[in-house]
């Protein structure tokens, strides 16, 4: 049977996004109020302070640039759906590799960690697990699964790894000024049409 789309659910929210919750913005409630009047407002992570507002699922085709903060599961799905919508994503992550906590090379989990959901539940709806996968995949299994997902769907996405996004500023023309520091502490600033916080 078709696997439930628990992990894929986040993708449905990404097609008409202007800004998700910006963890580095000190006055988050004011920004939330301001942006909810102007644009769809989606958060792909688990920030309990933010309530999603205006989840219009409009397919907005175009060549707009999208900054995605976070290269874990939500960030990878966000990037894939942006490419599908004709957008150009750049995925930022402070780690040296994508995959978030599931990437075993990042040592963010204990070695014996397994998913607490079966492979039928923690599966992308458009990218099923191999038939021989364990019922409850290990951290390394999930890490490889996410690497394969990235390799299959995100060849055209840009990745900025080992860097830290330091600010996201809305501009009067509807774009966003995004600043980040690379691993040598050099600061870069670029304008993006859309921003997705997937951390």
N, C-alpha and C. Protein backbone atom coordinates (compact mmCIF):
# COMPACT_ATOMS: atom_id res chain seq x y z
N UNK A 1 0.84 -1.20 0.00
CA UNK A 1 0.00 0.00 0.00
C UNK A 1 0.87 1.24 0.00
N UNK A 2 0.29 2.37 -0.38
CA UNK A 2 1.03 3.63 -0.43
C UNK A 2 1.42 4.05 0.97
N UNK A 3 2.70 4.36 1.21
CA UNK A 3 3.12 4.76 2.56
C UNK A 3 2.51 6.09 2.97
N UNK A 4 2.17 6.26 4.25
CA UNK A 4 1.68 7.55 4.71
C UNK A 4 2.70 8.64 4.42
N UNK A 5 2.22 9.85 4.23
CA UNK A 5 3.12 10.92 3.80
C UNK A 5 3.52 11.82 4.95
N UNK A 6 3.85 11.25 6.10
CA UNK A 6 4.21 12.05 7.26
C UNK A 6 5.36 12.99 7.00
N UNK A 7 6.43 12.51 6.42
CA UNK A 7 7.60 13.36 6.16
C UNK A 7 7.36 14.25 4.95
N UNK A 8 6.50 13.77 4.03
CA UNK A 8 6.29 14.54 2.80
C UNK A 8 5.29 15.68 3.03
N UNK A 9 4.59 15.67 4.15
CA UNK A 9 3.54 16.65 4.42
C UNK A 9 4.07 18.08 4.34
N UNK A 10 5.29 18.29 4.83
CA UNK A 10 5.86 19.63 4.83
C UNK A 10 5.92 20.20 3.43
N UNK A 11 6.04 19.35 2.43
CA UNK A 11 6.18 19.84 1.06
C UNK A 11 4.95 20.59 0.59
N UNK A 12 3.78 20.22 1.10
CA UNK A 12 2.55 20.86 0.66
C UNK A 12 2.48 22.32 1.03
N UNK A 13 3.26 22.73 2.02
CA UNK A 13 3.17 24.09 2.51
C UNK A 13 4.14 25.07 1.84
N UNK A 14 4.92 24.59 0.91
CA UNK A 14 6.07 25.38 0.48
C UNK A 14 5.89 26.11 -0.84
N UNK A 15 4.73 26.04 -1.45
CA UNK A 15 4.61 26.56 -2.80
C UNK A 15 4.27 28.04 -2.87
N UNK A 16 3.87 28.65 -1.77
CA UNK A 16 3.56 30.08 -1.80
C UNK A 16 4.12 30.74 -0.55
N UNK A 17 5.42 30.51 -0.32
CA UNK A 17 6.04 30.94 0.93
C UNK A 17 6.79 32.25 0.74
N UNK A 18 6.66 33.17 1.66
CA UNK A 18 7.51 34.35 1.68
C UNK A 18 8.52 34.25 2.81
N UNK A 19 8.06 33.99 4.02
CA UNK A 19 8.99 33.87 5.14
C UNK A 19 8.41 32.96 6.19
N UNK A 20 9.22 32.07 6.71
CA UNK A 20 8.84 31.26 7.84
C UNK A 20 9.39 31.93 9.09
N UNK A 21 9.21 31.34 10.24
CA UNK A 21 9.67 31.99 11.46
C UNK A 21 11.18 32.16 11.42
N UNK A 22 11.65 33.34 11.69
CA UNK A 22 13.09 33.62 11.66
C UNK A 22 13.61 33.63 13.07
N UNK A 23 14.35 32.57 13.43
CA UNK A 23 14.78 32.41 14.81
C UNK A 23 15.75 33.50 15.24
N UNK A 24 16.40 34.16 14.27
CA UNK A 24 17.38 35.17 14.63
C UNK A 24 16.77 36.56 14.74
N UNK A 25 15.47 36.67 14.49
CA UNK A 25 14.81 37.97 14.56
C UNK A 25 14.29 38.17 15.99
N UNK A 26 14.74 39.22 16.69
CA UNK A 26 14.37 39.38 18.09
C UNK A 26 12.90 39.67 18.32
N UNK A 27 12.25 40.42 17.43
CA UNK A 27 10.86 40.79 17.64
C UNK A 27 9.96 39.90 16.79
N UNK A 28 9.97 38.60 17.07
CA UNK A 28 9.26 37.63 16.26
C UNK A 28 7.75 37.87 16.22
N UNK A 29 7.08 38.19 17.35
CA UNK A 29 5.62 38.41 17.27
C UNK A 29 5.25 39.56 16.34
N UNK A 30 6.01 40.66 16.37
CA UNK A 30 5.70 41.80 15.49
C UNK A 30 5.92 41.41 14.02
N UNK A 31 7.02 40.71 13.75
CA UNK A 31 7.30 40.28 12.39
C UNK A 31 6.23 39.32 11.90
N UNK A 32 5.82 38.41 12.77
CA UNK A 32 4.78 37.45 12.43
C UNK A 32 3.50 38.18 12.04
N UNK A 33 3.11 39.16 12.83
CA UNK A 33 1.90 39.92 12.57
C UNK A 33 1.99 40.66 11.25
N UNK A 34 3.14 41.28 11.01
CA UNK A 34 3.35 42.05 9.78
C UNK A 34 3.29 41.16 8.55
N UNK A 35 3.98 40.03 8.60
CA UNK A 35 4.07 39.18 7.42
C UNK A 35 2.79 38.41 7.16
N UNK A 36 2.03 38.10 8.23
CA UNK A 36 0.80 37.35 8.03
C UNK A 36 -0.22 38.15 7.25
N UNK A 37 -0.07 39.48 7.24
CA UNK A 37 -0.96 40.32 6.44
C UNK A 37 -0.50 40.39 4.99
N UNK A 38 0.76 40.04 4.73
CA UNK A 38 1.32 40.21 3.40
C UNK A 38 1.49 38.92 2.62
N UNK A 39 1.71 37.80 3.32
CA UNK A 39 2.13 36.61 2.59
C UNK A 39 1.80 35.36 3.35
N UNK A 40 1.90 34.24 2.68
CA UNK A 40 1.79 32.96 3.37
C UNK A 40 2.93 32.85 4.37
N UNK A 41 2.68 32.19 5.47
CA UNK A 41 3.64 32.13 6.56
C UNK A 41 3.72 30.69 7.01
N UNK A 42 4.84 30.07 6.76
CA UNK A 42 4.95 28.64 7.01
C UNK A 42 6.19 28.35 7.82
N UNK A 43 6.06 27.45 8.76
CA UNK A 43 7.23 27.01 9.53
C UNK A 43 7.37 25.52 9.39
N UNK A 44 8.56 25.07 9.00
CA UNK A 44 8.77 23.66 8.73
C UNK A 44 9.37 22.93 9.92
N UNK A 45 9.73 23.63 10.96
CA UNK A 45 10.35 22.98 12.10
C UNK A 45 9.39 22.82 13.25
N UNK A 46 9.91 22.97 14.47
CA UNK A 46 9.10 22.72 15.65
C UNK A 46 9.17 23.88 16.63
N UNK A 47 9.01 25.08 16.15
CA UNK A 47 9.06 26.24 17.02
C UNK A 47 7.67 26.48 17.59
N UNK A 48 7.45 26.20 18.90
CA UNK A 48 6.10 26.31 19.46
C UNK A 48 5.61 27.75 19.57
N UNK A 49 6.52 28.74 19.39
CA UNK A 49 6.10 30.14 19.51
C UNK A 49 5.39 30.64 18.26
N UNK A 50 5.45 29.87 17.19
CA UNK A 50 4.94 30.35 15.92
C UNK A 50 3.73 29.53 15.49
N UNK A 51 2.63 30.24 15.16
CA UNK A 51 1.44 29.59 14.66
C UNK A 51 1.36 29.85 13.16
N UNK A 52 1.32 28.78 12.31
CA UNK A 52 1.24 29.02 10.88
C UNK A 52 -0.01 29.82 10.53
N UNK A 53 0.13 30.74 9.61
CA UNK A 53 -0.97 31.61 9.20
C UNK A 53 -1.10 31.57 7.69
N UNK A 54 -2.32 31.50 7.19
CA UNK A 54 -2.58 31.67 5.77
C UNK A 54 -1.90 30.65 4.89
N UNK A 55 -2.19 29.38 5.08
CA UNK A 55 -1.53 28.35 4.30
C UNK A 55 -2.24 28.16 2.95
N UNK A 56 -2.13 29.15 2.07
CA UNK A 56 -2.69 29.01 0.74
C UNK A 56 -1.75 28.13 -0.08
N UNK A 57 -2.28 27.10 -0.69
CA UNK A 57 -1.44 26.19 -1.46
C UNK A 57 -1.52 26.56 -2.93
N UNK A 58 -0.97 27.72 -3.28
CA UNK A 58 -0.99 28.19 -4.66
C UNK A 58 0.30 27.77 -5.35
N UNK A 59 0.19 27.18 -6.50
CA UNK A 59 1.35 26.79 -7.27
C UNK A 59 1.88 28.01 -8.02
N UNK A 60 2.90 28.65 -7.48
CA UNK A 60 3.43 29.85 -8.12
C UNK A 60 4.70 29.49 -8.89
N UNK A 61 4.55 29.23 -10.16
CA UNK A 61 5.70 28.89 -11.00
C UNK A 61 6.57 30.12 -11.21
N UNK A 62 7.85 29.93 -11.32
CA UNK A 62 8.73 31.06 -11.57
C UNK A 62 10.17 30.70 -11.33
N UNK A 63 11.05 31.63 -11.55
CA UNK A 63 12.47 31.40 -11.37
C UNK A 63 13.00 32.14 -10.16
N UNK A 64 12.17 32.36 -9.16
CA UNK A 64 12.59 33.08 -7.98
C UNK A 64 13.63 32.32 -7.18
N UNK A 65 14.47 33.08 -6.47
CA UNK A 65 15.48 32.48 -5.61
C UNK A 65 14.89 32.24 -4.22
N UNK A 66 15.26 31.13 -3.61
CA UNK A 66 14.73 30.76 -2.29
C UNK A 66 15.88 30.40 -1.37
N UNK A 67 15.95 31.08 -0.23
CA UNK A 67 16.90 30.73 0.83
C UNK A 67 16.22 29.73 1.75
N UNK A 68 16.83 28.58 1.95
CA UNK A 68 16.31 27.56 2.87
C UNK A 68 17.31 27.41 4.00
N UNK A 69 16.87 27.72 5.21
CA UNK A 69 17.76 27.62 6.38
C UNK A 69 17.52 26.26 7.03
N UNK A 70 18.51 25.40 6.93
CA UNK A 70 18.42 24.06 7.48
C UNK A 70 18.55 23.01 6.39
N UNK A 71 19.52 22.13 6.53
CA UNK A 71 19.76 21.10 5.51
C UNK A 71 19.37 19.71 5.97
N UNK A 72 18.49 19.64 6.96
CA UNK A 72 18.00 18.34 7.42
C UNK A 72 16.82 17.89 6.58
N UNK A 73 16.01 17.04 7.18
CA UNK A 73 14.88 16.45 6.47
C UNK A 73 13.96 17.51 5.86
N UNK A 74 13.51 18.48 6.67
CA UNK A 74 12.59 19.50 6.18
C UNK A 74 13.23 20.37 5.10
N UNK A 75 14.52 20.67 5.25
CA UNK A 75 15.21 21.48 4.26
C UNK A 75 15.34 20.77 2.93
N UNK A 76 15.61 19.47 2.97
CA UNK A 76 15.73 18.71 1.72
C UNK A 76 14.41 18.64 0.98
N UNK A 77 13.33 18.39 1.72
CA UNK A 77 12.00 18.35 1.09
C UNK A 77 11.65 19.73 0.53
N UNK A 78 11.98 20.78 1.30
CA UNK A 78 11.71 22.14 0.84
C UNK A 78 12.42 22.42 -0.47
N UNK A 79 13.70 22.03 -0.54
CA UNK A 79 14.47 22.25 -1.76
C UNK A 79 13.89 21.50 -2.94
N UNK A 80 13.50 20.27 -2.71
CA UNK A 80 12.93 19.45 -3.79
C UNK A 80 11.65 20.08 -4.32
N UNK A 81 10.79 20.54 -3.41
CA UNK A 81 9.52 21.13 -3.84
C UNK A 81 9.71 22.48 -4.51
N UNK A 82 10.73 23.22 -4.08
CA UNK A 82 11.04 24.49 -4.76
C UNK A 82 11.45 24.23 -6.20
N UNK A 83 12.33 23.26 -6.42
CA UNK A 83 12.74 22.92 -7.77
C UNK A 83 11.55 22.49 -8.62
N UNK A 84 10.66 21.73 -8.00
CA UNK A 84 9.45 21.26 -8.70
C UNK A 84 8.58 22.43 -9.13
N UNK A 85 8.58 23.51 -8.32
CA UNK A 85 7.77 24.69 -8.62
C UNK A 85 8.51 25.68 -9.52
N UNK A 86 9.70 25.32 -10.00
CA UNK A 86 10.46 26.18 -10.89
C UNK A 86 11.26 27.25 -10.19
N UNK A 87 11.49 27.09 -8.88
CA UNK A 87 12.27 28.05 -8.11
C UNK A 87 13.71 27.56 -7.96
N UNK A 88 14.59 28.46 -7.53
CA UNK A 88 16.01 28.12 -7.39
C UNK A 88 16.42 28.17 -5.92
N UNK A 89 16.46 27.02 -5.24
CA UNK A 89 16.78 27.01 -3.81
C UNK A 89 18.27 27.00 -3.51
N UNK A 90 18.63 27.68 -2.42
CA UNK A 90 19.96 27.57 -1.83
C UNK A 90 19.75 27.11 -0.40
N UNK A 91 20.33 25.97 -0.04
CA UNK A 91 20.12 25.37 1.28
C UNK A 91 21.34 25.66 2.15
N UNK A 92 21.08 26.30 3.29
CA UNK A 92 22.14 26.67 4.24
C UNK A 92 22.11 25.73 5.43
N UNK A 93 23.28 25.32 5.90
CA UNK A 93 23.36 24.53 7.13
C UNK A 93 24.70 24.79 7.79
N UNK A 94 24.69 24.80 9.12
CA UNK A 94 25.93 25.04 9.87
C UNK A 94 26.82 23.80 9.90
N UNK A 95 26.26 22.65 9.58
CA UNK A 95 27.04 21.41 9.60
C UNK A 95 27.83 21.24 8.31
N UNK A 96 28.72 20.28 8.30
CA UNK A 96 29.55 20.04 7.12
C UNK A 96 28.87 19.13 6.10
N UNK A 97 27.68 18.63 6.45
CA UNK A 97 26.95 17.75 5.54
C UNK A 97 25.45 17.93 5.77
N UNK A 98 24.65 17.57 4.77
CA UNK A 98 23.20 17.64 4.93
C UNK A 98 22.71 16.40 5.68
N UNK A 99 21.44 16.41 6.03
CA UNK A 99 20.86 15.24 6.71
C UNK A 99 20.49 15.49 8.16
N UNK A 100 20.92 16.62 8.71
CA UNK A 100 20.56 16.94 10.09
C UNK A 100 21.04 15.89 11.07
N UNK A 101 20.22 15.64 12.07
CA UNK A 101 20.59 14.71 13.14
C UNK A 101 20.78 13.27 12.64
N UNK A 102 20.25 12.98 11.46
CA UNK A 102 20.33 11.61 10.96
C UNK A 102 21.64 11.31 10.23
N UNK A 103 22.45 12.30 9.97
CA UNK A 103 23.71 12.05 9.30
C UNK A 103 24.72 11.53 10.32
N UNK A 104 25.14 10.25 10.21
CA UNK A 104 26.02 9.68 11.24
C UNK A 104 27.38 10.35 11.34
N UNK A 105 27.83 11.01 10.27
CA UNK A 105 29.14 11.66 10.33
C UNK A 105 29.14 12.90 11.21
N UNK A 106 27.95 13.41 11.55
CA UNK A 106 27.87 14.62 12.37
C UNK A 106 27.83 14.32 13.86
N UNK A 107 27.67 13.06 14.23
CA UNK A 107 27.69 12.62 15.63
C UNK A 107 26.73 13.42 16.51
N UNK A 108 25.51 13.60 16.03
CA UNK A 108 24.50 14.33 16.80
C UNK A 108 23.58 13.41 17.58
N UNK A 109 23.72 12.11 17.40
CA UNK A 109 22.88 11.13 18.09
C UNK A 109 23.74 10.00 18.62
N UNK A 110 23.22 9.25 19.58
CA UNK A 110 23.93 8.07 20.03
C UNK A 110 23.86 6.98 18.97
N UNK A 111 24.88 6.14 18.91
CA UNK A 111 25.05 5.22 17.78
C UNK A 111 23.93 4.21 17.64
N UNK A 112 23.28 3.83 18.73
CA UNK A 112 22.25 2.80 18.65
C UNK A 112 20.86 3.37 18.36
N UNK A 113 20.78 4.66 18.07
CA UNK A 113 19.49 5.28 17.81
C UNK A 113 18.81 4.65 16.59
N UNK A 114 17.51 4.39 16.73
CA UNK A 114 16.70 3.96 15.59
C UNK A 114 15.47 4.86 15.51
N UNK A 115 14.85 4.88 14.35
CA UNK A 115 13.60 5.63 14.21
C UNK A 115 12.55 4.98 15.10
N UNK A 116 11.70 5.80 15.72
CA UNK A 116 10.64 5.21 16.56
C UNK A 116 9.37 4.97 15.77
N UNK A 117 9.44 5.17 14.46
CA UNK A 117 8.34 4.86 13.55
C UNK A 117 8.85 3.87 12.52
N UNK A 118 7.96 3.05 12.01
CA UNK A 118 8.38 2.04 11.02
C UNK A 118 8.74 2.71 9.70
N UNK A 119 9.43 1.98 8.84
CA UNK A 119 9.81 2.52 7.54
C UNK A 119 8.60 2.82 6.67
N UNK A 120 7.45 2.26 7.02
CA UNK A 120 6.23 2.56 6.26
C UNK A 120 5.65 3.91 6.66
N UNK A 121 5.96 4.35 7.88
CA UNK A 121 5.45 5.64 8.36
C UNK A 121 6.45 6.76 8.10
N UNK A 122 7.73 6.52 8.39
CA UNK A 122 8.74 7.58 8.17
C UNK A 122 9.35 7.41 6.78
N UNK A 123 8.50 7.60 5.79
CA UNK A 123 8.90 7.42 4.41
C UNK A 123 8.38 8.58 3.58
N UNK A 124 9.20 9.08 2.65
CA UNK A 124 8.70 10.07 1.70
C UNK A 124 7.71 9.37 0.77
N UNK A 125 6.60 10.02 0.50
CA UNK A 125 5.56 9.38 -0.32
C UNK A 125 6.04 9.11 -1.74
N UNK A 126 7.02 9.87 -2.21
CA UNK A 126 7.51 9.68 -3.57
C UNK A 126 8.89 9.02 -3.61
N UNK A 127 9.33 8.49 -2.46
CA UNK A 127 10.66 7.87 -2.42
C UNK A 127 10.65 6.77 -1.35
N UNK A 128 10.06 5.60 -1.67
CA UNK A 128 9.93 4.54 -0.67
C UNK A 128 11.27 3.94 -0.26
N UNK A 129 11.27 3.34 0.92
CA UNK A 129 12.45 2.62 1.40
C UNK A 129 12.68 1.39 0.53
N UNK A 130 13.92 0.92 0.44
CA UNK A 130 14.18 -0.35 -0.24
C UNK A 130 13.43 -1.48 0.46
N UNK A 131 13.05 -2.49 -0.28
CA UNK A 131 12.26 -3.59 0.28
C UNK A 131 12.97 -4.31 1.43
N UNK A 132 14.31 -4.31 1.42
CA UNK A 132 15.06 -5.03 2.45
C UNK A 132 15.43 -4.16 3.65
N UNK A 133 14.93 -2.92 3.69
CA UNK A 133 15.25 -2.03 4.81
C UNK A 133 14.67 -2.57 6.11
N UNK A 134 15.34 -2.26 7.22
CA UNK A 134 14.85 -2.69 8.54
C UNK A 134 13.51 -2.04 8.82
N UNK A 135 12.69 -2.72 9.62
CA UNK A 135 11.37 -2.18 9.96
C UNK A 135 11.50 -0.84 10.70
N UNK A 136 12.48 -0.75 11.61
CA UNK A 136 12.76 0.50 12.32
C UNK A 136 14.21 0.89 12.00
N UNK A 137 14.39 1.74 11.00
CA UNK A 137 15.73 2.04 10.50
C UNK A 137 16.63 2.68 11.55
N UNK A 138 17.91 2.36 11.46
CA UNK A 138 18.91 2.95 12.35
C UNK A 138 19.26 4.35 11.87
N UNK A 139 20.05 5.06 12.69
CA UNK A 139 20.47 6.40 12.31
C UNK A 139 21.22 6.37 10.97
N UNK A 140 22.14 5.43 10.82
CA UNK A 140 22.91 5.36 9.58
C UNK A 140 22.02 5.01 8.39
N UNK A 141 21.00 4.16 8.62
CA UNK A 141 20.06 3.84 7.54
C UNK A 141 19.30 5.08 7.08
N UNK A 142 18.81 5.86 8.06
CA UNK A 142 18.06 7.08 7.71
C UNK A 142 19.00 8.09 7.05
N UNK A 143 20.23 8.17 7.54
CA UNK A 143 21.21 9.06 6.92
C UNK A 143 21.44 8.73 5.46
N UNK A 144 21.62 7.45 5.16
CA UNK A 144 21.81 7.03 3.76
C UNK A 144 20.57 7.30 2.93
N UNK A 145 19.41 7.04 3.53
CA UNK A 145 18.13 7.29 2.85
C UNK A 145 18.00 8.77 2.46
N UNK A 146 18.36 9.68 3.37
CA UNK A 146 18.29 11.11 3.07
C UNK A 146 19.35 11.51 2.04
N UNK A 147 20.53 10.90 2.10
CA UNK A 147 21.55 11.17 1.09
C UNK A 147 21.06 10.76 -0.30
N UNK A 148 20.41 9.60 -0.38
CA UNK A 148 19.89 9.13 -1.67
C UNK A 148 18.76 10.03 -2.16
N UNK A 149 17.94 10.51 -1.22
CA UNK A 149 16.87 11.45 -1.58
C UNK A 149 17.46 12.73 -2.16
N UNK A 150 18.49 13.25 -1.48
CA UNK A 150 19.19 14.45 -1.97
C UNK A 150 19.78 14.23 -3.35
N UNK A 151 20.46 13.10 -3.53
CA UNK A 151 21.10 12.82 -4.81
C UNK A 151 20.08 12.65 -5.93
N UNK A 152 18.90 12.11 -5.60
CA UNK A 152 17.87 11.89 -6.61
C UNK A 152 17.14 13.16 -7.01
N UNK A 153 16.90 14.05 -6.04
CA UNK A 153 16.00 15.18 -6.29
C UNK A 153 16.66 16.56 -6.25
N UNK A 154 17.86 16.68 -5.72
CA UNK A 154 18.41 18.00 -5.46
C UNK A 154 19.72 18.29 -6.21
N UNK A 155 19.91 17.66 -7.33
CA UNK A 155 21.14 17.90 -8.11
C UNK A 155 21.24 19.35 -8.56
N UNK A 156 20.12 20.03 -8.77
CA UNK A 156 20.13 21.41 -9.25
C UNK A 156 20.08 22.44 -8.12
N UNK A 157 20.00 21.98 -6.88
CA UNK A 157 19.96 22.91 -5.74
C UNK A 157 21.38 23.30 -5.34
N UNK A 158 21.52 24.52 -4.82
CA UNK A 158 22.82 24.96 -4.29
C UNK A 158 22.86 24.69 -2.79
N UNK A 159 24.01 24.27 -2.28
CA UNK A 159 24.19 24.03 -0.85
C UNK A 159 25.29 24.93 -0.32
N UNK A 160 25.02 25.60 0.79
CA UNK A 160 26.02 26.39 1.51
C UNK A 160 26.18 25.73 2.88
N UNK A 161 27.19 24.88 3.02
CA UNK A 161 27.40 24.14 4.26
C UNK A 161 28.48 24.80 5.10
N UNK A 162 28.51 24.42 6.38
CA UNK A 162 29.45 25.00 7.34
C UNK A 162 29.34 26.53 7.37
N UNK A 163 28.13 27.00 7.37
CA UNK A 163 27.91 28.45 7.48
C UNK A 163 26.71 28.69 8.38
N UNK A 164 26.61 29.90 8.89
CA UNK A 164 25.57 30.25 9.85
C UNK A 164 24.83 31.49 9.36
N UNK A 165 23.51 31.35 9.17
CA UNK A 165 22.70 32.50 8.77
C UNK A 165 22.57 33.41 9.99
N UNK A 166 22.93 34.66 9.81
CA UNK A 166 22.96 35.60 10.95
C UNK A 166 21.81 36.58 10.94
N UNK A 167 21.22 36.86 9.78
CA UNK A 167 20.07 37.76 9.75
C UNK A 167 19.26 37.57 8.49
N UNK A 168 17.96 37.82 8.63
CA UNK A 168 17.02 37.79 7.51
C UNK A 168 16.17 39.05 7.63
N UNK A 169 16.32 39.97 6.69
CA UNK A 169 15.63 41.25 6.77
C UNK A 169 14.66 41.42 5.61
N UNK A 170 13.36 41.59 5.90
CA UNK A 170 12.40 41.87 4.82
C UNK A 170 12.69 43.24 4.20
N UNK A 171 12.58 43.33 2.89
CA UNK A 171 12.81 44.59 2.18
C UNK A 171 11.49 45.12 1.62
N UNK A 172 11.47 46.39 1.30
CA UNK A 172 10.23 47.03 0.85
C UNK A 172 9.72 46.47 -0.47
N UNK A 173 10.61 45.88 -1.27
CA UNK A 173 10.18 45.34 -2.56
C UNK A 173 9.67 43.90 -2.45
N UNK A 174 9.56 43.39 -1.21
CA UNK A 174 9.05 42.04 -1.01
C UNK A 174 10.10 40.95 -1.00
N UNK A 175 11.35 41.31 -1.23
CA UNK A 175 12.43 40.32 -1.16
C UNK A 175 13.04 40.34 0.25
N UNK A 176 14.07 39.52 0.46
CA UNK A 176 14.69 39.41 1.77
C UNK A 176 16.20 39.49 1.65
N UNK A 177 16.80 40.28 2.51
CA UNK A 177 18.25 40.37 2.57
C UNK A 177 18.74 39.36 3.58
N UNK A 178 19.50 38.38 3.12
CA UNK A 178 19.99 37.29 3.96
C UNK A 178 21.50 37.42 4.13
N UNK A 179 21.95 37.41 5.38
CA UNK A 179 23.38 37.46 5.66
C UNK A 179 23.80 36.17 6.35
N UNK A 180 25.01 35.70 6.04
CA UNK A 180 25.53 34.50 6.68
C UNK A 180 27.03 34.57 6.78
N UNK A 181 27.57 33.79 7.70
CA UNK A 181 29.01 33.68 7.88
C UNK A 181 29.46 32.30 7.44
N UNK A 182 30.53 32.24 6.66
CA UNK A 182 31.07 30.95 6.28
C UNK A 182 32.04 30.45 7.35
N UNK A 183 32.68 29.30 7.10
CA UNK A 183 33.52 28.69 8.13
C UNK A 183 34.76 29.51 8.47
N UNK A 184 35.11 30.45 7.59
CA UNK A 184 36.25 31.33 7.88
C UNK A 184 35.80 32.64 8.52
N UNK A 185 34.51 32.69 8.92
CA UNK A 185 33.91 33.88 9.57
C UNK A 185 33.78 35.07 8.64
N UNK A 186 33.85 34.82 7.33
CA UNK A 186 33.60 35.88 6.36
C UNK A 186 32.09 36.06 6.19
N UNK A 187 31.62 37.30 6.21
CA UNK A 187 30.19 37.58 6.08
C UNK A 187 29.82 37.80 4.62
N UNK A 188 28.70 37.18 4.23
CA UNK A 188 28.17 37.34 2.88
C UNK A 188 26.73 37.83 3.00
N UNK A 189 26.27 38.59 2.03
CA UNK A 189 24.89 39.07 2.00
C UNK A 189 24.35 38.95 0.59
N UNK A 190 23.16 38.35 0.48
CA UNK A 190 22.50 38.17 -0.81
C UNK A 190 21.00 38.39 -0.65
N UNK A 191 20.35 38.91 -1.68
CA UNK A 191 18.90 39.05 -1.67
C UNK A 191 18.26 37.78 -2.23
N UNK A 192 17.18 37.35 -1.57
CA UNK A 192 16.40 36.20 -2.03
C UNK A 192 14.94 36.62 -2.18
N UNK A 193 14.25 36.00 -3.13
CA UNK A 193 12.84 36.29 -3.32
C UNK A 193 11.98 35.69 -2.21
N UNK A 194 12.39 34.54 -1.71
CA UNK A 194 11.62 33.86 -0.68
C UNK A 194 12.59 33.24 0.33
N UNK A 195 12.07 32.99 1.54
CA UNK A 195 12.87 32.37 2.59
C UNK A 195 12.04 31.27 3.25
N UNK A 196 12.67 30.14 3.49
CA UNK A 196 12.02 29.05 4.22
C UNK A 196 12.92 28.68 5.40
N UNK A 197 12.37 28.71 6.60
CA UNK A 197 13.12 28.27 7.78
C UNK A 197 12.76 26.82 8.02
N UNK A 198 13.71 25.93 7.81
CA UNK A 198 13.47 24.49 7.92
C UNK A 198 14.40 23.88 8.96
N UNK A 199 14.68 24.63 10.03
CA UNK A 199 15.59 24.14 11.07
C UNK A 199 14.81 23.55 12.22
